[in-house]
Each structure stands twice: as C-alpha cells, then as structure tokens.
Amino acid sequence: MGLTKQYLRYVASAVFGVIGSQKANITYVTLRGGEKGRYVAVAACEHVFIWDVRKGEKVLILQGQKHEVTFLCPSPDGVHIAVGYEDGAVRIFSLLNGESNVSFNGHKSAVSVIHYDALGARLVTGSKDTDVIVWDIINECGLYRLRGHKDVITQALFLRDKNLLVTCSKDSFVKWWDLDTQHCFKTMVGHRSEVWGMVLLSQESRLLTGSADSELRAWDINYLEEAKAEGEPKVKKGKTLLVDDDEEDDKEDVDESLEERILSCEKAGSILREARDRVVSLTTDRHARVIACHGNDSVLELFTVLSEEEVQKKMTKKLKKAKKKATKAQEASGEETEEPVVKKMLKDEIIRLTNIKASSKIRWVDCLSCAGGELKVVLLLQNNTVETYSLKTSHKTPVADKTARLTLGGHRTDVRTLAFSSDNLAVLSASGDTVKVWNRSTLQVIRTMACEYALCSLFVPGDRQIILGTKSGKLQIFELGSGRRLTVKHKRTLQLEEDVLCVKFSPDHRLLAVSLLDCTVKIFYTDTLKFFLSLYGHKLPVLCLDISHDSTIIATGSADRNVKIWGLDFGDCHRSMFAHDDSVMFLQFVPKTHLFFTAGKDKKIKQWDADKFEHIQTLEGHHREVWCLAISPNGDHLVSSSHDKSLRLWERTREPIILEEEREMEREAEFEESLAKGDAPVVPGETQGEAAPAGKKTVETVKAAERIMEALELYKGETRKMEEHRYACESAGKELPPPQPNPILMAFGNVSPSRYVLDVIKKVRSSELEVSLLVLPFPYVPELLKLFNSYIQQGLEVELVCRCLFFLLKIHFGQISSNQMLLSVIDELRTNTLSKVREIRDVMGFNSAALQFLQREIESKEDIMFFADATGRLEEKKKKRRKRERAVLTIA
C-alpha cells in the first residue's frame, strides 16, 4: 500500500477590517473605573470590540464562537456586558478580563433586544421567535418565557419600582406584563404599523413609542394601586384567570379588571419628527432627560425632557403672557373677560434640543450624560464608521462638536480585491473608494490611499508599487513609499466578441486565459495573441479562474455553482465538481501545489485537490457572501473578504487532515444542528399559555442528561455489586475481599458512587440544569429522589439538590404521587428538606447579624461609614474637587 497524500489544516487566525457590524447596536461602556464616555462596545461579526474613541484603538476583544452578535447591553454597575447572538444564545462577559462564565440558551432565533433590571439581577431578552424570556443572573437560570407577540420583539423594559415589564413588537402592539403572575394584563393597540422603539420618561409615568411614521407617540401611565392607597374607590377583583371555553366573555371582564387594578394608559399626544421614514432606533440617556431618535437617513434628532420645576416655570410664563394679552383685549373692548387658563401640552414638556448631521446614514445611536450638562453621543454608521459628538445641553442653542471618528481600521464599502506581497508580510485590500496596505503580523494599517472602484490588484515585483484595475476601465499604479500615482505604457490590444469577466496569465507566460460572458473560456498564445483552445461546458458565465504553477491545468468557477478542472494541453475537462450552494466568486491555487481554494456566495471557503478531485476542508466564519481571497506566496496564510465588511486571516497548521474523519465530523455537525432544531420537550401538565419554561433543548442539555443517566447506571451497577458481595459474605460466613471499584470512580479519586452522581449534576451548567432534567426519562427519577434524600441528610449541596428536587416534583407530580413505592421517600424528603433548609437559614441569619454587629462596632470606634454612605460621600468630594478645579481654570 502506497503512502497517502497528506493535507494540512487551515484554521482561523484573526478578524480585522471591521470597525462595527450593522446587525448589533453600539453602547458606551466603562473599563476599570475609566473616564465616562471614552470607551464604546460594538459588534464585529461574532466578536465584540471595545474601542477607545479618544486614541482610536481597540483595547479589548470579547471572543465569540461562530454566530453573529445581534445585541449588546451593559449591566447597571458597568462591570459586565450581555451579548445576544444570531442563534438565540446570550452570554455575559466581564469587562475586567473579557471572559464569559454565564450563558443562557432559550431562543430559537436571533436575539433582538436585551435589558437589565435596575439592580442588575435579572435580564430580559426578546427575539425574532416572538418570545420574551426573563433570566435570573444570580442563579444563572431562566425564570419564565412570555408568549403573546406575533412578530419580532423590538424593545423590552423593566419598571424600576414595580414588578412589571413592558414590551413592543413589529406586530404593532405594546404589551404590559405582571411578572408576579407572568400574565399580560394590558395590550395597547394605538399604532397602525410596527412599533420600532420605546422609552420610559418622567420617572416611568410616561411612555414614548416610535413607529413607521414621523410621529413619536406619548402615553401617560397612571398606577392605580397607588391611587387606591390615597383613598380612591377600589375595583373588584376578577375571581379567577382560569376559565372554561364557555366563559370566554367572562375572561375579557377579568382581564379588564386586572388591567384596572394595576395601571391605565392614555395617549398624551405626539411629537413630530423631521424625518418622514420609520424610526430605526430610539434611546435615552441613563436619566431619561435626553431622547435620541433617527430614521434611515444621516440626521439624528435630539429632544430634551424638562423637569417638573422647568415645566412649572414655563407654564407660569405662559400664564403671565396670557393674562397680559387678556388685559389688553379687555382694555380695547371695554368688556370683562374670563380668567385665562393655560393648558399643559406635550410640547411644553418635551422640546427639540438640536439635530446632528452625520457623515453617512446612521444605523445605531447611544448617548451619555456627563458632568456639567455635557451630552456625549456615539453613532454607528452604515459605512463601517463610528463617530462621537459632544454638546452642552444647558445652552439655549446647543451645537454638537464632532470629537472622534473611527475610520482607519476598515473600508467604507466592501473589499473586492486582495493581494499578498512577495515577502508574505503585507496584505493589500481595495474597495470602492480606498486601497489599504496592512501589516499581516500586527493587522495594523500601514498606508491608506484614495482610489476608484477597484476590482483586481497586485504587488509589482519588488513590493514598492501596487497596480489596481478599476470598474471604470483604468489601471491605477501607486508608489507605496510616497503614495504617488504612476503610469504604464499601453502595448497591445486583444479584441473579443463578448464582455470579458476575468483573465489570467499562465505562470510560464506562454498562455493567456480569458473568461467571456458567453460561458466559455478562451485560451490565447501570449506572444502572438492567436487563439489556442476554447473551454466550454459551464451553464452560466465563469466568474473566476486560475492556472496551476506548472501551467498544466486550469480550474474555473462559475455562477452555475460548479468548478471544472481542465487540461491545458488539449483543453479536455478532467472533472466537474459541485462546489458551493451559490455562485463561485473566487478561485486560486496554493503556490507550488495542485491544491486550490474557492470562495462562494454561500459564505464558505473550500479547499480542493485538483489531482484526486477531492474536497479537503471547509473554512466557515464569514456571515455574508465571500467576494475574494488571496494566498501568501509560501502558502502558509490566506486572507478573505466578505460582504460583512470583515477581512479574515487563516493560517496553515502542522495538523494533518484525514478526509474520512473530516467527512464524519461534518455529518456529526449536521446531526447536532438537526437535534438542536428539534421540537421542544413537553412539560407534563403544562398548557401552551402565555407563560412557559425559559430553557431550550440543545446538544449540551442532551449530553448533560446522558451524563446523568450514565452516572445513575454506574451507581446502580456499583450498588448491585456491593449487595452481591454482602450476600456472598453471609453465605460464606466470613468477610471476603471487596470487589474492584469501577475505573471511573478510581479516576476521580476513589469517590463513592453516590458522590460521583452529585459531582456529575454539579458540573451541569446552571442555565442548562432544568432542561437536562426535563429530558431525563422517568425511570431514572425514583433512584435520583432516593439519592437526593441521602444528600440532604448529609448536608451536601443542599441548595442545588433542593432546586433539582422541586423541579422534578413539579414536572413529574402525577407519576410520583401515584407511585406507592415513593410515598415513604417523599415523606422523608419533606421532613429532611424542611429541617435542613431551616438550619441553613438560621446559619445565614446568624452570620448576617454578626456582620451587622461588626459594622456598627467599627463605625462607632473609628467614625467610618461603610458601603452606600461611604460611596455617597466619595462622590460628593469628587464633585467639590471638580468645582474647585473649574473655578481655578476660569480665574486663570
């Protein structure tokens, strides 16, 4: 048997060229107590980049996996940031070290909105799957799923002082949820089209919504429970929310009474925007004093919300003017007039601040109020640019000053051509307006030059000049040392009957291959330009081609999704291969080999063997169409560009690829995807109502359930083995040597079988625990309940065990309660759980009281205030110091 051909694996090395992806929002973040408004977080395909806007540098990268980021939300304390992904997952990263230890998986499609509550203990997420899920961050688990919307969720907000949630969606509805009962108690239907944004104003007494028209609608919120406490008549409660089919009319009355018990919403008016298209994003600063809104254009509209005192002053002035006018009218007519009454309007409370004109269309906005009435605004533009502005809100006519612009690290439009220098160290990328040269090792831009729309490029031998072929038909030559343009001399012209799509010289300079619009490839002699061969067989035009280093074979890629390999001696087709699920956009041979790479509109890059006609590997990473790629002269690096604005660097490793294993891994990945897309597990006794469990069955939860089942089987086997040993000892009338323990238990330090089961359960992620227990078959549950009883008696992981116990009792209540064998176990569990939980509660109470006592002792001895008081005093000192510094600067 001969030696098999060895292929080496290419792996992803870096993502660069993208400043901010369009799919996810932009937000201000704080790093290690740094300056407010200095750092912004933006999505960069599957990663999150933290930019220092003052220096224009990337300071932190939050590494993603393979799905695109779709939403970002920093925590109220500024220490963490929640990141939503295209596959419905949510991960929480620490901004101190960039690591993620908490992840949630509950949505079936892309996360469209994320928000924290005021304490940062709960998280609400909305998705394209129309569900809203509330998560408990401290316990790392899902609380419940809220169903009711019929389209993508566009916003979800917790109320600060009430356990309520308000959500809006593209189904044109705004829904209010009571989180105590997980019930939608009010649906607002005052919009004619999609609701794209929503903010709470005036200490949550007003709701402002943005729709598909030029109006921002305002709604007054009256919390009726507060009114009842002040002496208003109480509304009768509905008796029950569980109604039969015959009582549908009564259900509506119940919902109305529930709505009246909590709050009422009345339309207060509208604010007219200057833009006529839909609201793209609507946001406020942290104190809800400034509203920022924009449409699909490049103008950001800013509004300010006046305080009660400011509104009162304004109304007093209005009243004075009205009285003065009435007095003049009375003097002119000589008749007595009524006392003028001035009615408070919405335009008296929300006034236009200013407009900011950005350099391109705006995609997302965030704003931040700073000391001294300064407002900082950051814009993510649609052309891969971030801009920041600053303005003083206290001025009568505030003017926004542009403070920073991040453009150097990426192109404004898609990169359509790439090239490597001969020393493998520099990468050229050219787009519709600029050409950039990058250092491959540091990924920093060496030079940026303006150009026309570039379609092809190369480094001139010596790497001192580059040549660009443009859409207008020109050749542009640049001197890299000075950025100076040079010219070339025209020698010969080859006239053809059809439009030319791509051309290629053979490495021996003997032949010229030309792809034509008639789906053929014509081969000509270079010296005489005489016709040599015609390659025909593609059903659609050939978009890319390349010739091997030894000039013996040519590979062509077409819009018909096929790649054909031809011999250059007779023009015969060696093999036709179905390469991509969409058009093949680029093709290039690896230098000095017969291996080649193809790039397609299906977002994939594939490697092929032109001798054995085999698919070697697939490089997945891009999230949009891949336009082009370039391979370094030594073949160790590959760089690719895509419609997602990113450039990706791939490296050749020393790891060999075994084709059979590669195909097996692809099949496993497909199986796991189909498993994840399967039906959600049904909870016994649960109805498909408004509230449902938050978790989702994933590959991880299925694997976790399998590990628990394997641990229980091992426990049963070991228990059976010990019983047989005991019986053998009794039969023999003497102590026999103990049986050999399971090798797995020995590997874990000779732990007992019951302890091993607990260790396996402990290793299951907190956010996946419920779903893992949900897919666990019932025959394993009785054994698990007996083990739980022993764990609680021993005081082992009582909190975790109680959580698992209560969940299993909830979902298997019918089967457990009807099983006579389990009655004694459940009774023991009840007694032991109550006593053990009381014991733990007493310990915690004792510790808390001791800490409070110590705090009081230290405070009385050293006159030091702890915690909130100390923080408040520190802030006051900082404010006084800043005031003194400003006074000194003013005097100077």
Foldseek 3Di string as FASTA:
>chain_A
DDDDDWDFDWAFDDWFFFQAFLQEFKEWADEPNDDGPQWMWHWDFQKIFIARQQVLDTDDIQDGDFFGWRYWDAALVRQWIWTWTFQGKIWIAGSHHNDTDAIFHFDRGTWQDKDAANVRQKMWIWAQVQKIWIAGVVLRATDWIFHDDDGGKQDKDAQHPAQKIWTFFQSQWIWIARVVVSDTLDIDNPGPGGWREWDADDNNQKIWTWWFFQKTWIKGKDFVQVVVVVPDDQQDALPDCDDDPVCPVSNVVNSVNVDNNTIDIDTQGIDGHPDTGTWQYWDAAPNRQKIWTDDQWQKIWIKGFDHPVQLVVVVVVVLVVVQVVQVVVCVVVVDDDDRDDDDDHPCSGIDTQDMDGDPTTFSHKDWYADPPQKIKIWTQHPQSKIWIWIWRSPDPRIDIDTSGMNDQTHGSAFFQEKEAAQVRQWIWTFAQFKIWIAGPVVRGTPDIATDHGFHYKYQDPVNQKIWTQHPVGDIWIAGVVVRDTDDDDDDDDDDDDFDWQDWDAQLVNQWIWTWGQVQKIWIAGRPPRHTDDIAHDDPGTFNEKDAANVRQKIWTWFQVQKIWIAGPVHGHTPDIGNHDPGGFQYKDAQHPFQKIWIFFQNQKIWIARSVVGDTFAIHHRGDGGWHYKYAHNNRQWIWTIGRSRMIIIMGTDPDIGDRVVRVVVVVVVVVQVVQQVDDFFDFPPDDPDRIRGRHGDHPLLQVLLVLLVVLLVLLVVVVVQVVVQVVVCVVVVHRDDRDDHDVVCVVVPVDHSLVVSVVSLVPRRSHSNLSSLSPRDPVSVLVLLLSLLVCLVVVHPLVSSVVSVVSCCVRCVPVQVVDPVCPVSVVSCVVSNVVSVVVVVVVVVVVVVVVVVVQVVVCVVPVDDDDPVNVVVVVVVVVVVVVVVVVVVVVD
